[in-house]
N, C-alpha and C. Protein backbone atom coordinates (compact mmCIF):
# COMPACT_ATOMS: atom_id res chain seq x y z
N UNK A 1 0.85 -1.18 0.00
CA UNK A 1 0.00 0.00 0.00
C UNK A 1 0.89 1.24 0.00
N UNK A 2 0.61 2.17 -0.88
CA UNK A 2 1.41 3.41 -0.92
C UNK A 2 1.26 4.20 0.37
N UNK A 3 2.26 5.02 0.67
CA UNK A 3 2.23 5.82 1.89
C UNK A 3 1.14 6.88 1.80
N UNK A 4 0.71 7.36 2.98
CA UNK A 4 -0.31 8.42 3.02
C UNK A 4 0.17 9.66 2.27
N UNK A 5 1.41 10.05 2.50
CA UNK A 5 1.95 11.22 1.82
C UNK A 5 1.97 11.01 0.32
N UNK A 6 2.41 9.85 -0.10
CA UNK A 6 2.46 9.55 -1.54
C UNK A 6 1.09 9.58 -2.18
N UNK A 7 0.09 9.03 -1.49
CA UNK A 7 -1.27 9.05 -2.03
C UNK A 7 -1.81 10.47 -2.10
N UNK A 8 -1.57 11.24 -1.06
CA UNK A 8 -2.04 12.63 -1.06
C UNK A 8 -1.41 13.44 -2.18
N UNK A 9 -0.12 13.22 -2.42
CA UNK A 9 0.56 13.91 -3.52
C UNK A 9 0.00 13.48 -4.87
N UNK A 10 -0.27 12.20 -5.02
CA UNK A 10 -0.84 11.69 -6.27
C UNK A 10 -2.23 12.28 -6.50
N UNK A 11 -3.05 12.31 -5.46
CA UNK A 11 -4.39 12.89 -5.58
C UNK A 11 -4.29 14.35 -5.98
N UNK A 12 -3.40 15.09 -5.35
CA UNK A 12 -3.22 16.51 -5.68
C UNK A 12 -2.79 16.68 -7.14
N UNK A 13 -1.89 15.84 -7.59
CA UNK A 13 -1.41 15.93 -8.98
C UNK A 13 -2.56 15.66 -9.96
N UNK A 14 -3.38 14.67 -9.65
CA UNK A 14 -4.47 14.29 -10.55
C UNK A 14 -5.59 15.32 -10.55
N UNK A 15 -5.92 15.87 -9.40
CA UNK A 15 -7.11 16.72 -9.27
C UNK A 15 -6.79 18.20 -9.12
N UNK A 16 -5.58 18.62 -9.43
CA UNK A 16 -5.12 19.98 -9.16
C UNK A 16 -6.09 21.06 -9.67
N UNK A 17 -6.65 20.93 -10.82
CA UNK A 17 -7.56 21.94 -11.37
C UNK A 17 -8.98 21.42 -11.52
N UNK A 18 -9.33 20.39 -10.78
CA UNK A 18 -10.64 19.76 -10.94
C UNK A 18 -11.64 20.28 -9.90
N UNK A 19 -12.83 20.59 -10.37
CA UNK A 19 -13.91 21.05 -9.50
C UNK A 19 -15.15 20.22 -9.79
N UNK A 20 -15.90 19.87 -8.72
CA UNK A 20 -17.10 19.07 -8.91
C UNK A 20 -16.77 17.72 -9.50
N UNK A 21 -17.54 17.32 -10.52
CA UNK A 21 -17.32 16.00 -11.12
C UNK A 21 -16.06 15.94 -11.98
N UNK A 22 -15.37 17.06 -12.15
CA UNK A 22 -14.13 17.04 -12.93
C UNK A 22 -13.08 16.13 -12.30
N UNK A 23 -13.16 15.92 -11.00
CA UNK A 23 -12.23 15.01 -10.35
C UNK A 23 -12.37 13.59 -10.87
N UNK A 24 -13.61 13.17 -11.12
CA UNK A 24 -13.84 11.84 -11.69
C UNK A 24 -13.21 11.74 -13.07
N UNK A 25 -13.41 12.78 -13.87
CA UNK A 25 -12.84 12.79 -15.22
C UNK A 25 -11.31 12.79 -15.15
N UNK A 26 -10.77 13.51 -14.18
CA UNK A 26 -9.32 13.55 -14.02
C UNK A 26 -8.76 12.19 -13.64
N UNK A 27 -9.45 11.50 -12.72
CA UNK A 27 -9.01 10.15 -12.36
C UNK A 27 -9.15 9.20 -13.54
N UNK A 28 -10.25 9.31 -14.27
CA UNK A 28 -10.44 8.45 -15.44
C UNK A 28 -9.26 8.63 -16.40
N UNK A 29 -8.88 9.87 -16.65
CA UNK A 29 -7.77 10.15 -17.56
C UNK A 29 -6.46 9.61 -17.01
N UNK A 30 -6.25 9.72 -15.71
CA UNK A 30 -5.03 9.18 -15.10
C UNK A 30 -4.95 7.68 -15.29
N UNK A 31 -6.07 6.98 -15.11
CA UNK A 31 -6.08 5.53 -15.35
C UNK A 31 -5.73 5.23 -16.80
N UNK A 32 -6.33 5.97 -17.72
CA UNK A 32 -6.05 5.74 -19.14
C UNK A 32 -4.59 6.02 -19.49
N UNK A 33 -4.02 7.06 -18.89
CA UNK A 33 -2.65 7.45 -19.19
C UNK A 33 -1.60 6.54 -18.56
N UNK A 34 -1.87 6.02 -17.38
CA UNK A 34 -0.83 5.34 -16.61
C UNK A 34 -0.93 3.82 -16.56
N UNK A 35 -2.03 3.27 -17.06
CA UNK A 35 -2.19 1.81 -16.99
C UNK A 35 -2.35 1.23 -18.38
N UNK A 36 -1.61 0.18 -18.63
CA UNK A 36 -1.76 -0.54 -19.89
C UNK A 36 -2.73 -1.69 -19.66
N UNK A 37 -3.88 -1.61 -20.28
CA UNK A 37 -4.92 -2.63 -20.12
C UNK A 37 -4.72 -3.71 -21.16
N UNK A 38 -5.15 -4.94 -20.87
CA UNK A 38 -5.88 -5.41 -19.68
C UNK A 38 -4.94 -5.70 -18.52
N UNK A 39 -5.52 -5.68 -17.32
CA UNK A 39 -4.79 -6.06 -16.13
C UNK A 39 -5.60 -7.11 -15.37
N UNK A 40 -4.93 -8.09 -14.77
CA UNK A 40 -5.65 -9.08 -13.97
C UNK A 40 -6.12 -8.47 -12.66
N UNK A 41 -7.28 -8.90 -12.22
CA UNK A 41 -7.86 -8.40 -10.97
C UNK A 41 -8.83 -9.45 -10.45
N UNK A 42 -9.40 -9.15 -9.29
CA UNK A 42 -10.44 -10.02 -8.76
C UNK A 42 -11.68 -9.19 -8.46
N UNK A 43 -12.81 -9.82 -8.61
CA UNK A 43 -14.10 -9.25 -8.28
C UNK A 43 -14.81 -10.28 -7.41
N UNK A 44 -14.98 -9.95 -6.13
CA UNK A 44 -15.60 -10.86 -5.17
C UNK A 44 -14.90 -12.22 -5.18
N UNK A 45 -13.56 -12.19 -5.28
CA UNK A 45 -12.78 -13.42 -5.25
C UNK A 45 -12.68 -14.15 -6.57
N UNK A 46 -13.32 -13.64 -7.60
CA UNK A 46 -13.30 -14.28 -8.92
C UNK A 46 -12.30 -13.54 -9.81
N UNK A 47 -11.43 -14.31 -10.49
CA UNK A 47 -10.44 -13.70 -11.36
C UNK A 47 -11.11 -13.13 -12.60
N UNK A 48 -10.75 -11.88 -12.91
CA UNK A 48 -11.26 -11.19 -14.09
C UNK A 48 -10.11 -10.41 -14.71
N UNK A 49 -10.35 -9.85 -15.88
CA UNK A 49 -9.42 -8.91 -16.50
C UNK A 49 -10.12 -7.57 -16.60
N UNK A 50 -9.43 -6.52 -16.17
CA UNK A 50 -9.95 -5.17 -16.36
C UNK A 50 -9.45 -4.72 -17.72
N UNK A 51 -10.37 -4.47 -18.63
CA UNK A 51 -10.00 -4.11 -19.99
C UNK A 51 -10.09 -2.61 -20.25
N UNK A 52 -10.64 -1.86 -19.30
CA UNK A 52 -10.74 -0.42 -19.46
C UNK A 52 -11.44 0.22 -18.28
N UNK A 53 -11.48 1.54 -18.31
CA UNK A 53 -12.09 2.34 -17.26
C UNK A 53 -13.05 3.31 -17.94
N UNK A 54 -14.17 3.63 -17.27
CA UNK A 54 -15.11 4.57 -17.84
C UNK A 54 -15.75 5.42 -16.74
N UNK A 55 -16.21 6.58 -17.11
CA UNK A 55 -17.02 7.44 -16.25
C UNK A 55 -18.06 8.08 -17.14
N UNK A 56 -19.33 7.86 -16.82
CA UNK A 56 -20.40 8.36 -17.68
C UNK A 56 -21.05 9.64 -17.14
N UNK A 57 -20.43 10.24 -16.14
CA UNK A 57 -20.97 11.48 -15.58
C UNK A 57 -21.85 11.27 -14.36
N UNK A 58 -22.12 10.02 -14.00
CA UNK A 58 -22.96 9.71 -12.84
C UNK A 58 -22.06 9.58 -11.61
N UNK A 59 -22.06 10.62 -10.76
CA UNK A 59 -21.20 10.62 -9.58
C UNK A 59 -21.60 9.54 -8.57
N UNK A 60 -22.85 9.15 -8.55
CA UNK A 60 -23.27 8.09 -7.61
C UNK A 60 -22.61 6.77 -7.95
N UNK A 61 -22.43 6.50 -9.24
CA UNK A 61 -21.77 5.25 -9.65
C UNK A 61 -20.27 5.41 -9.63
N UNK A 62 -19.79 6.61 -9.89
CA UNK A 62 -18.35 6.84 -9.92
C UNK A 62 -17.69 6.22 -11.13
N UNK A 63 -16.41 5.98 -10.99
CA UNK A 63 -15.64 5.40 -12.08
C UNK A 63 -15.97 3.91 -12.16
N UNK A 64 -16.09 3.45 -13.39
CA UNK A 64 -16.46 2.06 -13.64
C UNK A 64 -15.30 1.30 -14.25
N UNK A 65 -15.22 0.03 -13.91
CA UNK A 65 -14.22 -0.86 -14.52
C UNK A 65 -14.95 -1.73 -15.53
N UNK A 66 -14.39 -1.82 -16.71
CA UNK A 66 -14.92 -2.73 -17.72
C UNK A 66 -14.14 -4.02 -17.56
N UNK A 67 -14.85 -5.07 -17.20
CA UNK A 67 -14.17 -6.34 -16.90
C UNK A 67 -14.59 -7.41 -17.89
N UNK A 68 -13.72 -8.42 -17.99
CA UNK A 68 -14.00 -9.55 -18.86
C UNK A 68 -13.62 -10.83 -18.13
N UNK A 69 -14.46 -11.83 -18.30
CA UNK A 69 -14.18 -13.17 -17.79
C UNK A 69 -14.73 -14.15 -18.79
N UNK A 70 -13.89 -15.05 -19.23
CA UNK A 70 -14.25 -15.97 -20.31
C UNK A 70 -14.70 -15.13 -21.51
N UNK A 71 -15.88 -15.37 -22.03
CA UNK A 71 -16.36 -14.60 -23.18
C UNK A 71 -17.37 -13.54 -22.79
N UNK A 72 -17.46 -13.22 -21.51
CA UNK A 72 -18.45 -12.27 -21.02
C UNK A 72 -17.77 -10.99 -20.53
N UNK A 73 -18.43 -9.87 -20.75
CA UNK A 73 -17.91 -8.62 -20.22
C UNK A 73 -19.02 -7.92 -19.44
N UNK A 74 -18.59 -7.07 -18.53
CA UNK A 74 -19.54 -6.33 -17.68
C UNK A 74 -18.87 -5.04 -17.24
N UNK A 75 -19.68 -4.16 -16.73
CA UNK A 75 -19.19 -2.91 -16.16
C UNK A 75 -19.58 -2.90 -14.70
N UNK A 76 -18.59 -2.71 -13.83
CA UNK A 76 -18.83 -2.72 -12.39
C UNK A 76 -18.12 -1.52 -11.76
N UNK A 77 -18.49 -1.21 -10.54
CA UNK A 77 -17.83 -0.12 -9.83
C UNK A 77 -16.35 -0.45 -9.65
N UNK A 78 -15.53 0.53 -9.89
CA UNK A 78 -14.10 0.36 -9.68
C UNK A 78 -13.80 -0.02 -8.23
N UNK A 79 -14.67 0.39 -7.32
CA UNK A 79 -14.47 0.09 -5.90
C UNK A 79 -14.60 -1.40 -5.59
N UNK A 80 -15.21 -2.17 -6.49
CA UNK A 80 -15.39 -3.60 -6.27
C UNK A 80 -14.23 -4.44 -6.78
N UNK A 81 -13.27 -3.80 -7.41
CA UNK A 81 -12.14 -4.50 -8.04
C UNK A 81 -10.92 -4.46 -7.13
N UNK A 82 -10.18 -5.57 -7.09
CA UNK A 82 -8.90 -5.61 -6.38
C UNK A 82 -7.82 -6.01 -7.38
N UNK A 83 -6.70 -5.29 -7.30
CA UNK A 83 -5.57 -5.54 -8.19
C UNK A 83 -4.40 -6.02 -7.36
N UNK A 84 -3.63 -6.95 -7.92
CA UNK A 84 -2.44 -7.47 -7.24
C UNK A 84 -1.40 -6.36 -7.10
N UNK A 85 -0.96 -6.12 -5.87
CA UNK A 85 0.02 -5.06 -5.64
C UNK A 85 1.37 -5.37 -6.28
N UNK A 86 1.79 -6.59 -6.24
CA UNK A 86 3.13 -6.89 -6.73
C UNK A 86 3.24 -6.79 -8.25
N UNK A 87 2.19 -7.08 -8.95
CA UNK A 87 2.25 -7.11 -10.41
C UNK A 87 1.95 -5.76 -11.06
N UNK A 88 1.08 -4.98 -10.46
CA UNK A 88 0.62 -3.75 -11.11
C UNK A 88 0.61 -2.59 -10.12
N UNK A 89 1.80 -2.13 -9.83
CA UNK A 89 1.94 -1.05 -8.83
C UNK A 89 1.24 0.23 -9.24
N UNK A 90 1.31 0.61 -10.51
CA UNK A 90 0.65 1.85 -10.95
C UNK A 90 -0.86 1.75 -10.74
N UNK A 91 -1.43 0.62 -11.09
CA UNK A 91 -2.87 0.43 -10.90
C UNK A 91 -3.22 0.43 -9.42
N UNK A 92 -2.43 -0.23 -8.62
CA UNK A 92 -2.68 -0.29 -7.18
C UNK A 92 -2.64 1.10 -6.57
N UNK A 93 -1.65 1.91 -6.97
CA UNK A 93 -1.55 3.29 -6.45
C UNK A 93 -2.76 4.12 -6.87
N UNK A 94 -3.16 4.01 -8.13
CA UNK A 94 -4.30 4.79 -8.60
C UNK A 94 -5.60 4.35 -7.92
N UNK A 95 -5.78 3.05 -7.76
CA UNK A 95 -6.98 2.54 -7.08
C UNK A 95 -7.03 3.08 -5.65
N UNK A 96 -5.89 3.02 -4.96
CA UNK A 96 -5.83 3.50 -3.57
C UNK A 96 -6.06 5.01 -3.50
N UNK A 97 -5.49 5.75 -4.44
CA UNK A 97 -5.69 7.21 -4.47
C UNK A 97 -7.15 7.55 -4.73
N UNK A 98 -7.78 6.84 -5.65
CA UNK A 98 -9.19 7.07 -5.96
C UNK A 98 -10.05 6.83 -4.72
N UNK A 99 -9.80 5.73 -4.02
CA UNK A 99 -10.56 5.43 -2.80
C UNK A 99 -10.34 6.51 -1.74
N UNK A 100 -9.10 6.94 -1.57
CA UNK A 100 -8.80 7.99 -0.59
C UNK A 100 -9.51 9.28 -0.98
N UNK A 101 -9.49 9.63 -2.26
CA UNK A 101 -10.14 10.86 -2.74
C UNK A 101 -11.65 10.82 -2.43
N UNK A 102 -12.23 9.63 -2.53
CA UNK A 102 -13.65 9.47 -2.21
C UNK A 102 -13.91 9.44 -0.71
N UNK A 103 -12.84 9.33 0.09
CA UNK A 103 -12.99 9.28 1.53
C UNK A 103 -13.26 7.88 2.05
N UNK A 104 -12.90 6.87 1.26
CA UNK A 104 -13.16 5.48 1.65
C UNK A 104 -12.01 4.90 2.45
N UNK A 105 -10.79 5.34 2.18
CA UNK A 105 -9.66 4.79 2.95
C UNK A 105 -8.81 5.90 3.50
C-alpha cells in the first residue's frame, strides 16, 4: 500500500484543477494514461481482466471498470475491483488514491 503522503501527492497531482465531477474525469484520464490494459484483478474473489475504465458522468456510480471473464464482459464499480500489488503497482496506487479521494480509505 502506498504511503499516506504519496497518495495525497498523487491525488493533488491528478485533481489539481478539478472542480465538482471534474475530479472523476481527471481520475479516469489518469487511469487511461498510466495503466496498460488489460490487467488481472479479482471481483468478489473471482479472477477477471480489467480491460478499461469509464465514467459516464454519474457521480453516484463513480468510475467504472470494464471487466472480462471468459467470453463475457460487464461494467462494475471500480471500488469492487482488487488488483495485485506486486504485479501492477501503478494500478494499485491509482486505485488506492481514488478510494482515498472518495474518503473510503
